[in-house]
Amino acid sequence: MITAPAFIRGALVTDHLIAFGGRGGEAEFLAPDPMTIVERLPLRDPSALRDLYTLTFDEIVDYLAELGKSLTHNVLSAIS
């Protein structure tokens, strides 16, 4: 079964997985239980994002490219 981890502020969350059904009930995947991560989503202090403003566009693109590779690898590993 495919696992869709949560990615919250640079941390990959892969625990407390529960099954979610796809449209029509044909597909199913595992993801963290939203109730276990909901408190981590709001940012209590917006100044904690200050370091993100120092990132260059190229650094953001590089990060997203690496994230895409990792996600692709994880999905391919799950279905093979």
Protein backbone atom coordinates (compact mmCIF):
# COMPACT_ATOMS: atom_id res chain seq x y z
CA MET A 1 0.00 0.00 0.00
CA ILE A 2 1.28 3.50 -0.81
CA THR A 3 2.24 5.72 2.11
CA ALA A 4 1.78 9.49 1.85
CA PRO A 5 3.81 10.99 4.69
CA ALA A 6 3.22 14.50 6.00
CA PHE A 7 5.99 17.04 5.62
CA ILE A 8 5.80 19.70 8.33
CA ARG A 9 8.46 22.40 8.60
CA GLY A 10 11.22 20.19 7.26
CA ALA A 11 10.25 17.08 9.22
CA LEU A 12 8.94 13.96 7.53
CA VAL A 13 6.07 12.48 9.57
CA THR A 14 5.57 8.77 8.96
CA ASP A 15 4.10 7.54 12.24
CA HIS A 16 0.49 7.02 13.42
CA LEU A 17 -0.55 5.94 9.93
CA ILE A 18 -4.17 5.27 9.09
CA ALA A 19 -5.81 4.13 5.85
CA PHE A 20 -7.64 6.58 3.59
CA GLY A 21 -9.86 5.43 0.75
CA GLY A 22 -9.67 6.90 -2.70
CA ARG A 23 -12.54 7.97 -4.89
CA GLY A 24 -14.97 5.19 -5.56
CA GLY A 25 -13.27 3.01 -2.95
CA GLU A 26 -10.85 1.56 -5.50
CA ALA A 27 -7.58 2.96 -4.16
CA GLU A 28 -6.33 3.20 -0.63
CA PHE A 29 -3.26 4.79 0.92
CA LEU A 30 -1.71 5.29 4.35
CA ALA A 31 -1.03 8.71 5.84
CA PRO A 32 -0.50 10.13 9.32
CA ASP A 33 -3.67 10.48 11.34
CA PRO A 34 -4.58 14.18 11.03
CA MET A 35 -5.54 14.30 14.70
CA THR A 36 -1.93 13.44 15.66
CA ILE A 37 -0.38 16.26 13.61
CA VAL A 38 -2.97 19.04 13.68
CA GLU A 39 -1.34 20.84 16.62
CA ARG A 40 1.98 20.99 14.74
CA LEU A 41 0.48 22.82 11.76
CA PRO A 42 -0.17 26.35 13.11
CA LEU A 43 2.92 28.44 13.69
CA ARG A 44 2.75 30.04 17.14
CA ASP A 45 5.48 32.58 16.41
CA PRO A 46 5.68 33.89 12.84
CA SER A 47 9.23 35.12 13.44
CA ALA A 48 10.24 31.45 13.40
CA LEU A 49 10.00 31.70 9.59
CA ARG A 50 12.58 34.48 9.49
CA ASP A 51 15.31 32.18 8.14
CA LEU A 52 13.16 31.28 5.11
CA TYR A 53 13.54 34.83 3.80
CA THR A 54 17.27 34.25 3.36
CA LEU A 55 16.74 31.41 0.88
CA THR A 56 17.49 32.13 -2.75
CA PHE A 57 15.17 31.07 -5.56
CA ASP A 58 17.77 28.52 -6.71
CA GLU A 59 17.91 26.97 -3.23
CA ILE A 60 14.13 26.60 -3.21
CA VAL A 61 14.15 24.99 -6.67
CA ASP A 62 16.97 22.62 -5.63
CA TYR A 63 15.05 21.65 -2.50
CA LEU A 64 11.86 20.97 -4.44
CA ALA A 65 13.79 18.91 -7.01
CA GLU A 66 15.28 16.74 -4.25
CA LEU A 67 11.89 16.41 -2.56
CA GLY A 68 10.39 15.28 -5.87
CA LYS A 69 13.11 12.64 -6.31
CA SER A 70 12.51 11.36 -2.78
CA LEU A 71 8.75 11.21 -3.22
CA THR A 72 9.11 9.44 -6.57
CA HIS A 73 11.53 6.92 -5.05
CA ASN A 74 9.17 6.25 -2.11
CA VAL A 75 6.15 5.77 -4.37
CA LEU A 76 8.03 3.48 -6.76
CA SER A 77 9.36 1.46 -3.82
CA ALA A 78 5.85 1.09 -2.43
CA ILE A 79 4.34 -0.23 -5.65
CA SER A 80 7.12 -2.63 -6.56
